[in-house]
Amino acid sequence: MPTIRCPGCGQTEFVDLHGRFLVECDQCKLKFVAVIVRHNPPPPVEVTCPSCGCSESLPLGDSKKVQVTCSYCNYQFVFPQAGCDDPNASG
């Protein structure tokens, strides 16, 4: 399932669409055009927010480091955290 990211606040949202759409961000109300093409999504990675401890599965693919915004508390952090070599490693 494709993901769109608001260019204003960085909030991400999964969408089950393809094509060109005018989107309004739920968080900051910025309106922007999202072009969504069909693709094979990367396998999801379990990400735990260091602020609130909530976990969610995100399609991060082979990204070495990515800016993540927690869907629960809106805390922004870089994943994986410093010292974590394998984003799929537990513990």
N, C-alpha and C. Protein backbone atom coordinates (compact mmCIF):
# COMPACT_ATOMS: atom_id res chain seq x y z
N MET A 1 0.85 -1.17 0.00
CA MET A 1 0.00 0.00 0.00
C MET A 1 0.90 1.24 0.00
N PRO A 2 0.69 2.17 -0.93
CA PRO A 2 1.53 3.37 -0.99
C PRO A 2 1.36 4.27 0.23
N THR A 3 2.40 5.03 0.51
CA THR A 3 2.39 5.99 1.61
C THR A 3 2.55 7.39 1.03
N ILE A 4 1.79 8.34 1.55
CA ILE A 4 2.02 9.74 1.19
C ILE A 4 2.52 10.45 2.43
N ARG A 5 3.37 11.47 2.23
CA ARG A 5 3.92 12.25 3.34
C ARG A 5 3.62 13.72 3.08
N CYS A 6 3.07 14.38 4.07
CA CYS A 6 2.77 15.81 3.97
C CYS A 6 4.08 16.59 3.88
N PRO A 7 4.24 17.44 2.86
CA PRO A 7 5.47 18.22 2.75
C PRO A 7 5.56 19.33 3.79
N GLY A 8 4.47 19.63 4.46
CA GLY A 8 4.46 20.68 5.48
C GLY A 8 4.90 20.19 6.84
N CYS A 9 4.25 19.13 7.34
CA CYS A 9 4.52 18.67 8.70
C CYS A 9 5.18 17.30 8.77
N GLY A 10 5.22 16.57 7.64
CA GLY A 10 5.88 15.27 7.62
C GLY A 10 5.00 14.10 8.00
N GLN A 11 3.74 14.34 8.34
CA GLN A 11 2.85 13.24 8.72
C GLN A 11 2.70 12.30 7.52
N THR A 12 2.72 10.99 7.80
CA THR A 12 2.54 10.00 6.74
C THR A 12 1.19 9.32 6.86
N GLU A 13 0.71 8.85 5.73
CA GLU A 13 -0.58 8.16 5.70
C GLU A 13 -0.53 7.11 4.61
N PHE A 14 -1.04 5.92 4.91
CA PHE A 14 -1.14 4.86 3.93
C PHE A 14 -2.42 5.06 3.13
N VAL A 15 -2.33 4.89 1.82
CA VAL A 15 -3.51 5.05 0.97
C VAL A 15 -3.63 3.85 0.05
N ASP A 16 -4.85 3.49 -0.28
CA ASP A 16 -5.11 2.37 -1.17
C ASP A 16 -5.65 2.91 -2.48
N LEU A 17 -4.90 3.82 -3.09
CA LEU A 17 -5.32 4.51 -4.31
C LEU A 17 -4.16 4.53 -5.29
N HIS A 18 -4.43 4.89 -6.51
CA HIS A 18 -3.39 5.24 -7.46
C HIS A 18 -3.94 6.31 -8.37
N GLY A 19 -3.06 7.19 -8.83
CA GLY A 19 -3.48 8.32 -9.65
C GLY A 19 -2.98 9.62 -9.05
N ARG A 20 -3.60 10.72 -9.43
CA ARG A 20 -3.20 12.05 -8.98
C ARG A 20 -4.35 12.63 -8.15
N PHE A 21 -4.04 13.09 -6.95
CA PHE A 21 -5.08 13.55 -6.03
C PHE A 21 -4.66 14.83 -5.33
N LEU A 22 -5.64 15.71 -5.08
CA LEU A 22 -5.43 16.86 -4.22
C LEU A 22 -5.72 16.37 -2.81
N VAL A 23 -4.74 16.48 -1.93
CA VAL A 23 -4.83 15.93 -0.58
C VAL A 23 -4.75 17.07 0.42
N GLU A 24 -5.52 16.97 1.51
CA GLU A 24 -5.39 17.92 2.62
C GLU A 24 -4.92 17.14 3.83
N CYS A 25 -3.80 17.58 4.41
CA CYS A 25 -3.22 16.93 5.58
C CYS A 25 -4.18 17.07 6.77
N ASP A 26 -4.45 15.96 7.46
CA ASP A 26 -5.33 15.98 8.63
C ASP A 26 -4.72 16.78 9.78
N GLN A 27 -3.39 16.81 9.85
CA GLN A 27 -2.71 17.44 10.97
C GLN A 27 -2.53 18.94 10.78
N CYS A 28 -1.92 19.37 9.67
CA CYS A 28 -1.59 20.79 9.50
C CYS A 28 -2.48 21.50 8.47
N LYS A 29 -3.38 20.75 7.81
CA LYS A 29 -4.34 21.29 6.84
C LYS A 29 -3.72 21.81 5.55
N LEU A 30 -2.42 21.53 5.32
CA LEU A 30 -1.78 21.92 4.06
C LEU A 30 -2.38 21.12 2.92
N LYS A 31 -2.68 21.78 1.81
CA LYS A 31 -3.20 21.11 0.62
C LYS A 31 -2.05 20.92 -0.36
N PHE A 32 -1.91 19.69 -0.90
CA PHE A 32 -0.85 19.40 -1.85
C PHE A 32 -1.31 18.31 -2.81
N VAL A 33 -0.62 18.21 -3.95
CA VAL A 33 -0.95 17.19 -4.94
C VAL A 33 -0.09 15.97 -4.68
N ALA A 34 -0.72 14.82 -4.59
CA ALA A 34 -0.01 13.56 -4.42
C ALA A 34 -0.22 12.73 -5.68
N VAL A 35 0.89 12.28 -6.26
CA VAL A 35 0.82 11.38 -7.41
C VAL A 35 1.19 10.01 -6.90
N ILE A 36 0.26 9.08 -6.98
CA ILE A 36 0.44 7.75 -6.42
C ILE A 36 0.49 6.75 -7.56
N VAL A 37 1.60 6.03 -7.65
CA VAL A 37 1.75 5.02 -8.69
C VAL A 37 1.75 3.65 -8.02
N ARG A 38 1.32 2.66 -8.77
CA ARG A 38 1.33 1.30 -8.22
C ARG A 38 2.77 0.83 -8.08
N HIS A 39 3.04 0.08 -7.03
CA HIS A 39 4.37 -0.44 -6.79
C HIS A 39 4.29 -1.65 -5.87
N ASN A 40 5.39 -2.36 -5.76
CA ASN A 40 5.48 -3.46 -4.81
C ASN A 40 6.01 -2.88 -3.51
N PRO A 41 5.19 -2.88 -2.47
CA PRO A 41 5.63 -2.26 -1.22
C PRO A 41 6.73 -3.07 -0.55
N PRO A 42 7.64 -2.37 0.14
CA PRO A 42 8.67 -3.08 0.89
C PRO A 42 8.03 -3.79 2.08
N PRO A 43 8.70 -4.82 2.60
CA PRO A 43 8.14 -5.51 3.76
C PRO A 43 8.11 -4.56 4.96
N PRO A 44 7.09 -4.67 5.80
CA PRO A 44 6.99 -3.75 6.94
C PRO A 44 8.06 -4.04 8.00
N VAL A 45 8.46 -2.98 8.69
CA VAL A 45 9.42 -3.07 9.79
C VAL A 45 8.71 -2.57 11.04
N GLU A 46 8.85 -3.30 12.13
CA GLU A 46 8.24 -2.90 13.39
C GLU A 46 9.08 -1.79 14.01
N VAL A 47 8.46 -0.61 14.23
CA VAL A 47 9.15 0.56 14.77
C VAL A 47 8.49 0.92 16.09
N THR A 48 9.32 1.12 17.13
CA THR A 48 8.81 1.51 18.45
C THR A 48 9.24 2.94 18.74
N CYS A 49 8.28 3.77 19.08
CA CYS A 49 8.55 5.18 19.40
C CYS A 49 9.33 5.27 20.71
N PRO A 50 10.48 5.96 20.72
CA PRO A 50 11.24 6.09 21.96
C PRO A 50 10.58 7.02 22.98
N SER A 51 9.58 7.79 22.56
CA SER A 51 8.91 8.71 23.46
C SER A 51 7.75 8.05 24.21
N CYS A 52 6.81 7.44 23.45
CA CYS A 52 5.61 6.88 24.09
C CYS A 52 5.61 5.36 24.17
N GLY A 53 6.54 4.70 23.44
CA GLY A 53 6.63 3.24 23.50
C GLY A 53 5.67 2.50 22.60
N CYS A 54 4.82 3.21 21.85
CA CYS A 54 3.89 2.54 20.93
C CYS A 54 4.65 2.02 19.72
N SER A 55 4.18 0.89 19.19
CA SER A 55 4.82 0.28 18.03
C SER A 55 3.87 0.29 16.85
N GLU A 56 4.45 0.37 15.65
CA GLU A 56 3.67 0.24 14.43
C GLU A 56 4.56 -0.34 13.35
N SER A 57 3.95 -0.98 12.38
CA SER A 57 4.67 -1.54 11.25
C SER A 57 4.69 -0.52 10.13
N LEU A 58 5.90 -0.21 9.64
CA LEU A 58 6.07 0.76 8.57
C LEU A 58 6.83 0.14 7.41
N PRO A 59 6.47 0.48 6.18
CA PRO A 59 7.17 -0.05 5.01
C PRO A 59 8.43 0.76 4.73
N LEU A 60 9.48 0.52 5.50
CA LEU A 60 10.70 1.31 5.38
C LEU A 60 11.67 0.77 4.35
N GLY A 61 11.49 -0.46 3.92
CA GLY A 61 12.34 -1.04 2.88
C GLY A 61 13.80 -1.11 3.30
N ASP A 62 14.69 -0.73 2.38
CA ASP A 62 16.12 -0.81 2.62
C ASP A 62 16.71 0.50 3.15
N SER A 63 15.88 1.40 3.63
CA SER A 63 16.37 2.69 4.12
C SER A 63 17.33 2.47 5.28
N LYS A 64 18.47 3.14 5.22
CA LYS A 64 19.46 3.04 6.30
C LYS A 64 18.97 3.81 7.52
N LYS A 65 18.56 5.06 7.31
CA LYS A 65 18.01 5.89 8.39
C LYS A 65 16.87 6.69 7.78
N VAL A 66 15.78 6.80 8.51
CA VAL A 66 14.62 7.52 8.00
C VAL A 66 13.99 8.31 9.14
N GLN A 67 13.49 9.52 8.83
CA GLN A 67 12.78 10.34 9.80
C GLN A 67 11.37 9.78 9.96
N VAL A 68 10.98 9.46 11.17
CA VAL A 68 9.67 8.87 11.45
C VAL A 68 8.90 9.80 12.37
N THR A 69 7.61 9.95 12.12
CA THR A 69 6.73 10.68 13.02
C THR A 69 5.75 9.68 13.61
N CYS A 70 5.76 9.53 14.94
CA CYS A 70 4.88 8.58 15.61
C CYS A 70 3.42 8.94 15.35
N SER A 71 2.65 7.94 14.93
CA SER A 71 1.22 8.15 14.64
C SER A 71 0.40 8.39 15.90
N TYR A 72 0.95 8.04 17.05
CA TYR A 72 0.20 8.15 18.30
C TYR A 72 0.48 9.46 19.04
N CYS A 73 1.78 9.84 19.17
CA CYS A 73 2.11 11.04 19.96
C CYS A 73 2.76 12.15 19.12
N ASN A 74 2.96 11.90 17.81
CA ASN A 74 3.57 12.85 16.87
C ASN A 74 5.03 13.18 17.17
N TYR A 75 5.69 12.37 18.01
CA TYR A 75 7.12 12.55 18.27
C TYR A 75 7.90 12.19 17.01
N GLN A 76 8.88 13.02 16.64
CA GLN A 76 9.70 12.75 15.45
C GLN A 76 11.05 12.22 15.89
N PHE A 77 11.51 11.14 15.23
CA PHE A 77 12.79 10.55 15.56
C PHE A 77 13.37 9.88 14.32
N VAL A 78 14.67 9.59 14.38
CA VAL A 78 15.34 8.91 13.28
C VAL A 78 15.35 7.42 13.59
N PHE A 79 14.97 6.60 12.59
CA PHE A 79 14.98 5.16 12.75
C PHE A 79 15.96 4.58 11.75
N PRO A 80 16.81 3.63 12.07
CA PRO A 80 16.99 3.09 13.42
C PRO A 80 17.75 4.05 14.31
N GLN A 81 17.61 3.87 15.60
CA GLN A 81 18.29 4.70 16.57
C GLN A 81 19.79 4.44 16.52
N ALA A 82 20.57 5.37 17.03
CA ALA A 82 22.03 5.22 17.06
C ALA A 82 22.39 3.91 17.76
N GLY A 83 23.33 3.17 17.17
CA GLY A 83 23.77 1.91 17.76
C GLY A 83 22.96 0.71 17.32
N CYS A 84 21.91 0.90 16.55
CA CYS A 84 21.08 -0.22 16.07
C CYS A 84 21.47 -0.49 14.62
N ASP A 85 22.16 -1.61 14.38
CA ASP A 85 22.61 -1.94 13.03
C ASP A 85 21.55 -2.59 12.20
N ASP A 86 20.67 -3.37 12.82
CA ASP A 86 19.66 -4.12 12.08
C ASP A 86 18.28 -3.69 12.53
N PRO A 87 17.49 -3.00 11.64
CA PRO A 87 16.17 -2.54 12.06
C PRO A 87 15.21 -3.67 12.38
N ASN A 88 15.52 -4.90 11.97
CA ASN A 88 14.65 -6.04 12.28
C ASN A 88 15.09 -6.77 13.53
N ALA A 89 16.18 -6.34 14.14
CA ALA A 89 16.67 -7.00 15.35
C ALA A 89 15.78 -6.66 16.52
N SER A 90 15.55 -7.63 17.37
CA SER A 90 14.73 -7.38 18.57
C SER A 90 15.64 -7.09 19.73
N GLY A 91 15.08 -6.31 20.70
CA GLY A 91 15.81 -6.08 21.92
C GLY A 91 16.32 -4.74 21.95
